[in-house]
C-alpha atoms as a PDB file:
ATOM      1  CA  MET A   1      -0.423  24.562  28.551  1.00  0.00           C
ATOM      2  CA  THR A   2       2.205  25.136  25.905  1.00  0.00           C
ATOM      3  CA  LEU A   3       5.856  24.301  26.195  1.00  0.00           C
ATOM      4  CA  PRO A   4       8.513  26.959  25.677  1.00  0.00           C
ATOM      5  CA  ARG A   5      10.064  26.875  22.232  1.00  0.00           C
ATOM      6  CA  PHE A   6      13.630  26.343  23.482  1.00  0.00           C
ATOM      7  CA  ALA A   7      12.808  23.820  26.195  1.00  0.00           C
ATOM      8  CA  GLY A   8      15.756  21.614  27.041  1.00  0.00           C
ATOM      9  CA  VAL A   9      15.882  18.027  28.264  1.00  0.00           C
ATOM     10  CA  ARG A  10      15.062  19.130  31.819  1.00  0.00           C
ATOM     11  CA  ALA A  11      11.652  20.345  30.708  1.00  0.00           C
ATOM     12  CA  PHE A  12      10.626  16.803  29.810  1.00  0.00           C
ATOM     13  CA  ARG A  13      11.255  15.180  33.202  1.00  0.00           C
ATOM     14  CA  HIS A  14       7.559  15.128  34.023  1.00  0.00           C
ATOM     15  CA  LEU A  15       6.812  12.718  31.156  1.00  0.00           C
ATOM     16  CA  ARG A  16       5.736   9.209  31.826  1.00  0.00           C
ATOM     17  CA  SER A  17       6.651   6.407  29.447  1.00  0.00           C
ATOM     18  CA  THR A  18       3.872   4.188  28.041  1.00  0.00           C
ATOM     19  CA  GLY A  19       5.496   1.464  25.957  1.00  0.00           C
ATOM     20  CA  THR A  20       7.298   3.158  23.088  1.00  0.00           C
ATOM     21  CA  ARG A  21       5.652   6.593  23.095  1.00  0.00           C
ATOM     22  CA  MET A  22       6.107   9.457  25.502  1.00  0.00           C
ATOM     23  CA  ILE A  23       2.994  11.279  26.710  1.00  0.00           C
ATOM     24  CA  PRO A  24       3.022  14.088  29.244  1.00  0.00           C
ATOM     25  CA  ALA A  25       1.208  13.328  32.462  1.00  0.00           C
ATOM     26  CA  TRP A  26      -1.012  16.395  32.043  1.00  0.00           C
ATOM     27  CA  ALA A  27      -1.986  15.775  28.408  1.00  0.00           C
ATOM     28  CA  ASN A  28      -5.478  14.861  27.352  1.00  0.00           C
ATOM     29  CA  VAL A  29      -5.241  13.058  24.037  1.00  0.00           C
ATOM     30  CA  PRO A  30      -8.173  14.173  21.834  1.00  0.00           C
ATOM     31  CA  ALA A  31     -10.318  11.601  20.084  1.00  0.00           C
ATOM     32  CA  ARG A  32      -9.424  11.067  16.425  1.00  0.00           C
ATOM     33  CA  SER A  33     -12.079  11.199  13.726  1.00  0.00           C
ATOM     34  CA  ALA A  34     -12.452   8.549  11.019  1.00  0.00           C
ATOM     35  CA  THR A  35     -11.838  11.117   8.286  1.00  0.00           C
ATOM     36  CA  SER A  36      -8.445  12.214   9.583  1.00  0.00           C
ATOM     37  CA  THR A  37      -5.196  10.973   8.086  1.00  0.00           C
ATOM     38  CA  VAL A  38      -3.393   7.872   9.338  1.00  0.00           C
ATOM     39  CA  TYR A  39      -0.844   9.908  11.274  1.00  0.00           C
ATOM     40  CA  SER A  40      -2.184  13.199  12.476  1.00  0.00           C
ATOM     41  CA  ARG A  41      -0.077  16.335  12.408  1.00  0.00           C
ATOM     42  CA  THR A  42       0.719  17.945  15.684  1.00  0.00           C
ATOM     43  CA  PRO A  43       1.571  21.583  16.341  1.00  0.00           C
ATOM     44  CA  MET A  44       5.202  22.606  16.707  1.00  0.00           C
ATOM     45  CA  THR A  45       4.924  22.797  20.504  1.00  0.00           C
ATOM     46  CA  THR A  46       3.919  19.127  20.806  1.00  0.00           C
ATOM     47  CA  ALA A  47       6.034  17.741  17.961  1.00  0.00           C
ATOM     48  CA  TRP A  48       7.939  15.512  20.401  1.00  0.00           C
ATOM     49  CA  ARG A  49       4.942  13.161  20.704  1.00  0.00           C
ATOM     50  CA  ALA A  50       4.922   9.933  18.733  1.00  0.00           C
ATOM     51  CA  PRO A  51       2.179   9.697  16.081  1.00  0.00           C
ATOM     52  CA  ILE A  52      -1.079   8.096  17.184  1.00  0.00           C
ATOM     53  CA  PRO A  53      -2.807   6.074  14.446  1.00  0.00           C
ATOM     54  CA  SER A  54      -6.416   6.888  13.706  1.00  0.00           C
ATOM     55  CA  SER A  55      -7.056   4.059  11.256  1.00  0.00           C
ATOM     56  CA  PRO A  56      -9.046   1.131  12.676  1.00  0.00           C
ATOM     57  CA  ILE A  57      -6.598  -1.356  11.166  1.00  0.00           C
ATOM     58  CA  LEU A  58      -3.590   0.380  12.688  1.00  0.00           C
ATOM     59  CA  SER A  59      -5.299   0.617  16.055  1.00  0.00           C
ATOM     60  CA  MET A  60      -5.832  -3.161  16.028  1.00  0.00           C
ATOM     61  CA  THR A  61      -2.159  -3.820  15.323  1.00  0.00           C
ATOM     62  CA  ARG A  62      -0.877  -1.183  17.765  1.00  0.00           C
ATOM     63  CA  PRO A  63      -0.565  -3.477  20.820  1.00  0.00           C
ATOM     64  CA  MET A  64       1.396  -6.022  18.795  1.00  0.00           C
ATOM     65  CA  LEU A  65       3.541  -3.704  16.690  1.00  0.00           C
ATOM     66  CA  TRP A  66       4.215  -0.738  18.940  1.00  0.00           C
ATOM     67  CA  ASN A  67       4.687  -2.349  22.314  1.00  0.00           C
ATOM     68  CA  LYS A  68       8.271  -3.572  22.665  1.00  0.00           C
ATOM     69  CA  SER A  69       7.372  -5.923  25.513  1.00  0.00           C
ATOM     70  CA  VAL A  70       5.198  -8.033  23.216  1.00  0.00           C
ATOM     71  CA  GLY A  71       7.197  -9.803  20.508  1.00  0.00           C
ATOM     72  CA  ALA A  72       4.971  -9.641  17.439  1.00  0.00           C
ATOM     73  CA  SER A  73       5.622 -12.451  15.018  1.00  0.00           C
ATOM     74  CA  PRO A  74       4.479 -12.190  11.373  1.00  0.00           C
ATOM     75  CA  SER A  75       1.749 -14.758  12.016  1.00  0.00           C
ATOM     76  CA  GLN A  76       0.104 -12.470  14.606  1.00  0.00           C
ATOM     77  CA  ILE A  77      -0.142  -9.430  12.325  1.00  0.00           C
ATOM     78  CA  PRO A  78      -3.498  -9.285  10.498  1.00  0.00           C
ATOM     79  CA  LEU A  79      -2.929  -9.250   6.763  1.00  0.00           C
ATOM     80  CA  GLY A  80      -6.352  -8.138   5.536  1.00  0.00           C
ATOM     81  CA  GLY A  81      -6.727  -8.401   1.778  1.00  0.00           C
ATOM     82  CA  VAL A  82      -3.099  -9.302   1.115  1.00  0.00           C
ATOM     83  CA  ARG A  83      -3.811 -12.896   2.036  1.00  0.00           C
ATOM     84  CA  PHE A  84      -6.241 -13.389  -0.864  1.00  0.00           C
ATOM     85  CA  THR A  85      -4.118 -12.004  -3.705  1.00  0.00           C
ATOM     86  CA  THR A  86      -3.737 -14.498  -6.536  1.00  0.00           C
ATOM     87  CA  TYR A  87      -1.049 -14.389  -9.151  1.00  0.00           C
ATOM     88  CA  GLY A  88      -0.804 -16.048 -12.537  1.00  0.00           C
ATOM     89  CA  SER A  89      -4.467 -15.741 -13.463  1.00  0.00           C
ATOM     90  CA  GLU A  90      -3.923 -12.711 -15.699  1.00  0.00           C
ATOM     91  CA  TYR A  91      -2.277 -14.251 -18.765  1.00  0.00           C
ATOM     92  CA  GLN A  92      -1.950 -17.944 -19.438  1.00  0.00           C
ATOM     93  CA  PRO A  93      -0.563 -18.264 -22.982  1.00  0.00           C
ATOM     94  CA  SER A  94      -1.988 -20.866 -25.294  1.00  0.00           C
ATOM     95  CA  GLN A  95      -0.486 -21.491 -28.719  1.00  0.00           C
ATOM     96  CA  ARG A  96      -3.773 -22.772 -30.142  1.00  0.00           C
ATOM     97  CA  LYS A  97      -5.811 -19.724 -29.101  1.00  0.00           C
ATOM     98  CA  ARG A  98      -3.127 -17.351 -30.343  1.00  0.00           C
ATOM     99  CA  LYS A  99      -2.989 -18.978 -33.785  1.00  0.00           C
ATOM    100  CA  ARG A 100      -6.788 -19.258 -33.958  1.00  0.00           C
ATOM    101  CA  LYS A 101      -7.192 -15.519 -33.376  1.00  0.00           C
ATOM    102  CA  HIS A 102      -4.098 -14.017 -34.994  1.00  0.00           C
ATOM    103  CA  GLY A 103      -2.719 -16.752 -37.248  1.00  0.00           C
ATOM    104  CA  PHE A 104      -2.251 -16.688 -41.015  1.00  0.00           C
ATOM    105  CA  LEU A 105      -5.272 -18.893 -41.773  1.00  0.00           C
ATOM    106  CA  ALA A 106      -7.503 -16.772 -39.514  1.00  0.00           C
ATOM    107  CA  ARG A 107      -6.360 -13.668 -41.402  1.00  0.00           C
ATOM    108  CA  LEU A 108      -7.180 -15.288 -44.755  1.00  0.00           C
ATOM    109  CA  ARG A 109     -10.748 -16.182 -43.658  1.00  0.00           C
ATOM    110  CA  SER A 110     -11.941 -12.633 -42.929  1.00  0.00           C
ATOM    111  CA  ARG A 111     -12.087  -9.532 -45.085  1.00  0.00           C
ATOM    112  CA  THR A 112     -10.283  -7.356 -42.499  1.00  0.00           C
ATOM    113  CA  GLY A 113      -7.689 -10.088 -41.999  1.00  0.00           C
ATOM    114  CA  LYS A 114      -6.847  -9.994 -45.699  1.00  0.00           C
ATOM    115  CA  LYS A 115      -6.396  -6.214 -45.425  1.00  0.00           C
ATOM    116  CA  ILE A 116      -3.995  -6.715 -42.508  1.00  0.00           C
ATOM    117  CA  LEU A 117      -1.909  -9.181 -44.524  1.00  0.00           C
ATOM    118  CA  ILE A 118      -1.775  -6.818 -47.529  1.00  0.00           C
ATOM    119  CA  ARG A 119      -0.795  -3.883 -45.295  1.00  0.00           C
ATOM    120  CA  ARG A 120       1.993  -5.848 -43.579  1.00  0.00           C
ATOM    121  CA  ARG A 121       3.363  -7.148 -46.917  1.00  0.00           C
ATOM    122  CA  ALA A 122       3.412  -3.571 -48.232  1.00  0.00           C
ATOM    123  CA  LYS A 123       5.475  -2.470 -45.224  1.00  0.00           C
ATOM    124  CA  GLY A 124       7.966  -5.254 -45.933  1.00  0.00           C
ATOM    125  CA  LYS A 125       7.350  -7.277 -42.770  1.00  0.00           C
ATOM    126  CA  THR A 126       8.921 -10.735 -42.864  1.00  0.00           C
ATOM    127  CA  ALA A 127       6.479 -12.150 -40.316  1.00  0.00           C
ATOM    128  CA  ILE A 128       3.037 -11.095 -41.491  1.00  0.00           C
ATOM    129  CA  SER A 129       1.133 -13.152 -38.897  1.00  0.00           C
ATOM    130  CA  HIS A 130       1.573 -15.830 -36.259  1.00  0.00           C
END
């Protein structure tokens, strides 16, 4: 059954409310596949429906997030991998390591280091190494 294109508010009286989304009493909601997008597209005739999530994670959070009668606090929402993110482990500067690798004495010890110093002096750099 398709709705007329210019259906007014009166045409939607037969809808029943389920939480925050409106579903017609006669509608059979098709099963969503795992390969579909998070929010499926609906045809123009049924564009008044709220999106139904097909992701397993979103379906777990739906009762907490979408139902206005249940007050979902941040502690009830599953965080997944966000909880295990660590910061600060990428770059921890150490003056000793920096000077050991890129310092003036390290440049003098190797053949390529001496070339680097010569090249930087030729360019007129005031700081030729760390």
